[in-house]
């Protein structure tokens, strides 16, 4: 039982050594892209919701 667990974790460590990790700058740049994209999408959805609610309010009256 413990041999299998030990083998599993040694294989995990071996695979993690093969991973091509991103640089710190790449991670920070990608994070900024995600944050800005999310903010822009949120603004677009909020503006669309506001405009649609005003438009439907005019129709319902």
PDB file of N, CA and C in Angstrom:
ATOM      1  N   UNK A   1       0.829  -1.195   0.000  1.00  0.00           N
ATOM      2  CA  UNK A   1       0.000   0.000   0.000  1.00  0.00           C
ATOM      3  C   UNK A   1       0.866   1.248   0.000  1.00  0.00           C
ATOM      4  N   UNK A   2       1.817   1.335   0.940  1.00  0.00           N
ATOM      5  CA  UNK A   2       2.660   2.527   1.029  1.00  0.00           C
ATOM      6  C   UNK A   2       3.613   2.627  -0.152  1.00  0.00           C
ATOM      7  N   UNK A   3       3.977   1.488  -0.738  1.00  0.00           N
ATOM      8  CA  UNK A   3       4.849   1.519  -1.912  1.00  0.00           C
ATOM      9  C   UNK A   3       4.132   2.187  -3.082  1.00  0.00           C
ATOM     10  N   UNK A   4       2.840   1.904  -3.211  1.00  0.00           N
ATOM     11  CA  UNK A   4       2.069   2.509  -4.297  1.00  0.00           C
ATOM     12  C   UNK A   4       1.939   4.021  -4.100  1.00  0.00           C
ATOM     13  N   UNK A   5       1.716   4.421  -2.865  1.00  0.00           N
ATOM     14  CA  UNK A   5       1.596   5.857  -2.569  1.00  0.00           C
ATOM     15  C   UNK A   5       2.921   6.557  -2.832  1.00  0.00           C
ATOM     16  N   UNK A   6       4.010   5.953  -2.385  1.00  0.00           N
ATOM     17  CA  UNK A   6       5.334   6.538  -2.598  1.00  0.00           C
ATOM     18  C   UNK A   6       5.643   6.623  -4.097  1.00  0.00           C
ATOM     19  N   UNK A   7       5.312   5.570  -4.827  1.00  0.00           N
ATOM     20  CA  UNK A   7       5.542   5.563  -6.271  1.00  0.00           C
ATOM     21  C   UNK A   7       4.711   6.653  -6.952  1.00  0.00           C
ATOM     22  N   UNK A   8       3.466   6.793  -6.529  1.00  0.00           N
ATOM     23  CA  UNK A   8       2.595   7.814  -7.101  1.00  0.00           C
ATOM     24  C   UNK A   8       3.196   9.204  -6.919  1.00  0.00           C
ATOM     25  N   UNK A   9       3.620   9.527  -5.701  1.00  0.00           N
ATOM     26  CA  UNK A   9       4.158  10.862  -5.451  1.00  0.00           C
ATOM     27  C   UNK A   9       5.493  11.080  -6.144  1.00  0.00           C
ATOM     28  N   UNK A  10       6.287  10.049  -6.273  1.00  0.00           N
ATOM     29  CA  UNK A  10       7.545  10.218  -7.001  1.00  0.00           C
ATOM     30  C   UNK A  10       7.277  10.468  -8.483  1.00  0.00           C
ATOM     31  N   UNK A  11       6.238   9.838  -9.024  1.00  0.00           N
ATOM     32  CA  UNK A  11       5.853  10.096 -10.415  1.00  0.00           C
ATOM     33  C   UNK A  11       5.293  11.507 -10.584  1.00  0.00           C
ATOM     34  N   UNK A  12       4.552  11.972  -9.594  1.00  0.00           N
ATOM     35  CA  UNK A  12       4.025  13.340  -9.638  1.00  0.00           C
ATOM     36  C   UNK A  12       5.172  14.340  -9.663  1.00  0.00           C
ATOM     37  N   UNK A  13       6.159  14.148  -8.807  1.00  0.00           N
ATOM     38  CA  UNK A  13       7.319  15.047  -8.765  1.00  0.00           C
ATOM     39  C   UNK A  13       8.062  15.005 -10.091  1.00  0.00           C
ATOM     40  N   UNK A  14       8.224  13.824 -10.664  1.00  0.00           N
ATOM     41  CA  UNK A  14       8.916  13.695 -11.950  1.00  0.00           C
ATOM     42  C   UNK A  14       8.168  14.438 -13.053  1.00  0.00           C
ATOM     43  N   UNK A  15       6.856  14.347 -13.065  1.00  0.00           N
ATOM     44  CA  UNK A  15       6.066  15.051 -14.081  1.00  0.00           C
ATOM     45  C   UNK A  15       6.118  16.559 -13.873  1.00  0.00           C
ATOM     46  N   UNK A  16       6.105  17.001 -12.618  1.00  0.00           N
ATOM     47  CA  UNK A  16       6.166  18.440 -12.347  1.00  0.00           C
ATOM     48  C   UNK A  16       7.493  19.040 -12.786  1.00  0.00           C
ATOM     49  N   UNK A  17       8.541  18.245 -12.783  1.00  0.00           N
ATOM     50  CA  UNK A  17       9.839  18.738 -13.252  1.00  0.00           C
ATOM     51  C   UNK A  17       9.845  18.930 -14.763  1.00  0.00           C
ATOM     52  N   UNK A  18       8.952  18.238 -15.471  1.00  0.00           N
ATOM     53  CA  UNK A  18       8.875  18.348 -16.928  1.00  0.00           C
ATOM     54  C   UNK A  18       8.046  19.551 -17.384  1.00  0.00           C
ATOM     55  N   UNK A  19       7.294  20.140 -16.466  1.00  0.00           N
ATOM     56  CA  UNK A  19       6.383  21.227 -16.818  1.00  0.00           C
ATOM     57  C   UNK A  19       7.163  22.469 -17.215  1.00  0.00           C
ATOM     58  N   UNK A  20       6.692  23.130 -18.253  1.00  0.00           N
ATOM     59  CA  UNK A  20       7.273  24.400 -18.679  1.00  0.00           C
ATOM     60  C   UNK A  20       6.483  25.513 -17.992  1.00  0.00           C
ATOM     61  N   UNK A  21       7.010  26.024 -16.882  1.00  0.00           N
ATOM     62  CA  UNK A  21       6.314  27.024 -16.094  1.00  0.00           C
ATOM     63  C   UNK A  21       6.446  28.399 -16.738  1.00  0.00           C
ATOM     64  N   UNK A  22       5.400  29.192 -16.648  1.00  0.00           N
ATOM     65  CA  UNK A  22       5.431  30.557 -17.159  1.00  0.00           C
ATOM     66  C   UNK A  22       6.313  31.420 -16.267  1.00  0.00           C
ATOM     67  N   UNK A  23       6.866  32.474 -16.873  1.00  0.00           N
ATOM     68  CA  UNK A  23       7.667  33.400 -16.077  1.00  0.00           C
ATOM     69  C   UNK A  23       6.730  34.293 -15.260  1.00  0.00           C
ATOM     70  N   UNK A  24       7.299  34.943 -14.275  1.00  0.00           N
ATOM     71  CA  UNK A  24       6.507  35.846 -13.428  1.00  0.00           C
ATOM     72  C   UNK A  24       5.870  36.948 -14.272  1.00  0.00           C
ATOM     73  N   UNK A  25       6.634  37.499 -15.205  1.00  0.00           N
ATOM     74  CA  UNK A  25       6.117  38.578 -16.061  1.00  0.00           C
ATOM     75  C   UNK A  25       4.959  38.088 -16.923  1.00  0.00           C
ATOM     76  N   UNK A  26       5.058  36.883 -17.462  1.00  0.00           N
ATOM     77  CA  UNK A  26       3.976  36.332 -18.280  1.00  0.00           C
ATOM     78  C   UNK A  26       2.695  36.165 -17.464  1.00  0.00           C
ATOM     79  N   UNK A  27       2.842  35.708 -16.230  1.00  0.00           N
ATOM     80  CA  UNK A  27       1.677  35.513 -15.364  1.00  0.00           C
ATOM     81  C   UNK A  27       1.037  36.857 -15.029  1.00  0.00           C
ATOM     82  N   UNK A  28       1.861  37.848 -14.708  1.00  0.00           N
ATOM     83  CA  UNK A  28       1.333  39.173 -14.373  1.00  0.00           C
ATOM     84  C   UNK A  28       0.642  39.792 -15.585  1.00  0.00           C
ATOM     85  N   UNK A  29       1.258  39.695 -16.759  1.00  0.00           N
ATOM     86  CA  UNK A  29       0.646  40.237 -17.975  1.00  0.00           C
ATOM     87  C   UNK A  29      -0.688  39.556 -18.279  1.00  0.00           C
ATOM     88  N   UNK A  30      -0.731  38.250 -18.157  1.00  0.00           N
ATOM     89  CA  UNK A  30      -1.969  37.510 -18.417  1.00  0.00           C
ATOM     90  C   UNK A  30      -3.049  37.882 -17.396  1.00  0.00           C
ATOM     91  N   UNK A  31      -2.638  38.107 -16.156  1.00  0.00           N
ATOM     92  CA  UNK A  31      -3.588  38.506 -15.118  1.00  0.00           C
ATOM     93  C   UNK A  31      -4.205  39.856 -15.450  1.00  0.00           C
ATOM     94  N   UNK A  32      -3.380  40.798 -15.909  1.00  0.00           N
ATOM     95  CA  UNK A  32      -3.898  42.119 -16.297  1.00  0.00           C
ATOM     96  C   UNK A  32      -4.879  42.003 -17.458  1.00  0.00           C
ATOM     97  N   UNK A  33      -4.564  41.161 -18.421  1.00  0.00           N
ATOM     98  CA  UNK A  33      -5.472  40.970 -19.561  1.00  0.00           C
ATOM     99  C   UNK A  33      -6.822  40.454 -19.076  1.00  0.00           C
ATOM    100  N   UNK A  34      -6.802  39.489 -18.175  1.00  0.00           N
ATOM    101  CA  UNK A  34      -8.050  38.924 -17.654  1.00  0.00           C
ATOM    102  C   UNK A  34      -8.828  39.970 -16.864  1.00  0.00           C
ATOM    103  N   UNK A  35      -8.154  40.733 -16.005  1.00  0.00           N
ATOM    104  CA  UNK A  35      -8.837  41.747 -15.198  1.00  0.00           C
ATOM    105  C   UNK A  35      -9.462  42.833 -16.065  1.00  0.00           C
ATOM    106  N   UNK A  36      -8.711  43.329 -17.038  1.00  0.00           N
ATOM    107  CA  UNK A  36      -9.230  44.388 -17.910  1.00  0.00           C
ATOM    108  C   UNK A  36     -10.377  43.865 -18.770  1.00  0.00           C
ATOM    109  N   UNK A  37     -10.218  42.671 -19.315  1.00  0.00           N
ATOM    110  CA  UNK A  37     -11.291  42.075 -20.124  1.00  0.00           C
ATOM    111  C   UNK A  37     -12.558  41.875 -19.294  1.00  0.00           C
ATOM    112  N   UNK A  38     -12.395  41.418 -18.071  1.00  0.00           N
ATOM    113  CA  UNK A  38     -13.549  41.207 -17.191  1.00  0.00           C
ATOM    114  C   UNK A  38     -14.242  42.525 -16.870  1.00  0.00           C
ATOM    115  N   UNK A  39     -13.458  43.567 -16.602  1.00  0.00           N
ATOM    116  CA  UNK A  39     -14.034  44.878 -16.301  1.00  0.00           C
ATOM    117  C   UNK A  39     -14.789  45.430 -17.508  1.00  0.00           C
ATOM    118  N   UNK A  40     -14.194  45.314 -18.693  1.00  0.00           N
ATOM    119  CA  UNK A  40     -14.861  45.807 -19.902  1.00  0.00           C
ATOM    120  C   UNK A  40     -16.146  45.032 -20.182  1.00  0.00           C
ATOM    121  N   UNK A  41     -16.091  43.727 -20.036  1.00  0.00           N
ATOM    122  CA  UNK A  41     -17.287  42.914 -20.246  1.00  0.00           C
ATOM    123  C   UNK A  41     -18.364  43.266 -19.222  1.00  0.00           C
ATOM    124  N   UNK A  42     -17.964  43.476 -17.971  1.00  0.00           N
ATOM    125  CA  UNK A  42     -18.923  43.867 -16.938  1.00  0.00           C
ATOM    126  C   UNK A  42     -19.583  45.197 -17.253  1.00  0.00           C
ATOM    127  N   UNK A  43     -18.794  46.167 -17.730  1.00  0.00           N
ATOM    128  CA  UNK A  43     -19.353  47.470 -18.115  1.00  0.00           C
ATOM    129  C   UNK A  43     -20.317  47.322 -19.286  1.00  0.00           C
ATOM    130  N   UNK A  44     -19.956  46.515 -20.260  1.00  0.00           N
ATOM    131  CA  UNK A  44     -20.825  46.287 -21.423  1.00  0.00           C
ATOM    132  C   UNK A  44     -22.149  45.653 -20.997  1.00  0.00           C
ATOM    133  N   UNK A  45     -22.081  44.655 -20.140  1.00  0.00           N
ATOM    134  CA  UNK A  45     -23.301  43.982 -19.684  1.00  0.00           C
ATOM    135  C   UNK A  45     -24.159  44.938 -18.864  1.00  0.00           C
ATOM    136  N   UNK A  46     -23.530  45.743 -17.997  1.00  0.00           N
ATOM    137  CA  UNK A  46     -24.280  46.702 -17.186  1.00  0.00           C
ATOM    138  C   UNK A  46     -24.960  47.745 -18.067  1.00  0.00           C
ATOM    139  N   UNK A  47     -24.243  48.265 -19.062  1.00  0.00           N
ATOM    140  CA  UNK A  47     -24.822  49.265 -19.961  1.00  0.00           C
ATOM    141  C   UNK A  47     -25.957  48.659 -20.785  1.00  0.00           C
ATOM    142  N   UNK A  48     -25.769  47.438 -21.260  1.00  0.00           N
ATOM    143  CA  UNK A  48     -26.822  46.768 -22.029  1.00  0.00           C
ATOM    144  C   UNK A  48     -28.057  46.536 -21.170  1.00  0.00           C
ATOM    145  N   UNK A  49     -27.858  46.118 -19.938  1.00  0.00           N
ATOM    146  CA  UNK A  49     -28.967  45.877 -19.025  1.00  0.00           C
ATOM    147  C   UNK A  49     -29.713  47.177 -18.744  1.00  0.00           C
ATOM    148  N   UNK A  50     -28.969  48.250 -18.497  1.00  0.00           N
ATOM    149  CA  UNK A  50     -29.582  49.547 -18.219  1.00  0.00           C
ATOM    150  C   UNK A  50     -30.396  50.025 -19.421  1.00  0.00           C
ATOM    151  N   UNK A  51     -29.804  49.961 -20.620  1.00  0.00           N
ATOM    152  CA  UNK A  51     -30.493  50.418 -21.827  1.00  0.00           C
ATOM    153  C   UNK A  51     -31.733  49.575 -22.109  1.00  0.00           C
ATOM    154  N   UNK A  52     -31.608  48.271 -21.955  1.00  0.00           N
ATOM    155  CA  UNK A  52     -32.748  47.393 -22.213  1.00  0.00           C
ATOM    156  C   UNK A  52     -33.869  47.634 -21.208  1.00  0.00           C
ATOM    157  N   UNK A  53     -33.527  47.843 -19.944  1.00  0.00           N
ATOM    158  CA  UNK A  53     -34.569  48.089 -18.946  1.00  0.00           C
ATOM    159  C   UNK A  53     -35.270  49.418 -19.214  1.00  0.00           C
ATOM    160  N   UNK A  54     -34.531  50.447 -19.633  1.00  0.00           N
ATOM    161  CA  UNK A  54     -35.158  51.730 -19.970  1.00  0.00           C
ATOM    162  C   UNK A  54     -36.059  51.579 -21.204  1.00  0.00           C
ATOM    163  N   UNK A  55     -35.581  50.869 -22.204  1.00  0.00           N
ATOM    164  CA  UNK A  55     -36.354  50.649 -23.426  1.00  0.00           C
ATOM    165  C   UNK A  55     -37.645  49.891 -23.126  1.00  0.00           C
ATOM    166  N   UNK A  56     -37.552  48.831 -22.352  1.00  0.00           N
ATOM    167  CA  UNK A  56     -38.747  48.059 -22.005  1.00  0.00           C
ATOM    168  C   UNK A  56     -39.679  48.866 -21.114  1.00  0.00           C
ATOM    169  N   UNK A  57     -39.105  49.743 -20.283  1.00  0.00           N
ATOM    170  CA  UNK A  57     -39.932  50.620 -19.455  1.00  0.00           C
ATOM    171  C   UNK A  57     -40.766  51.564 -20.299  1.00  0.00           C
ATOM    172  N   UNK A  58     -40.199  52.046 -21.392  1.00  0.00           N
ATOM    173  CA  UNK A  58     -40.949  52.922 -22.291  1.00  0.00           C
ATOM    174  C   UNK A  58     -42.063  52.167 -23.007  1.00  0.00           C
ATOM    175  N   UNK A  59     -41.806  50.924 -23.359  1.00  0.00           N
ATOM    176  CA  UNK A  59     -42.811  50.120 -24.066  1.00  0.00           C
ATOM    177  C   UNK A  59     -43.974  49.763 -23.139  1.00  0.00           C
ATOM    178  N   UNK A  60     -43.682  49.433 -21.906  1.00  0.00           N
ATOM    179  CA  UNK A  60     -44.707  48.979 -20.968  1.00  0.00           C
ATOM    180  C   UNK A  60     -45.631  50.126 -20.569  1.00  0.00           C
ATOM    181  N   UNK A  61     -45.138  51.334 -20.498  1.00  0.00           N
ATOM    182  CA  UNK A  61     -45.968  52.472 -20.083  1.00  0.00           C
ATOM    183  C   UNK A  61     -47.109  52.658 -20.977  1.00  0.00           C
TER     184      UNK A  61
END
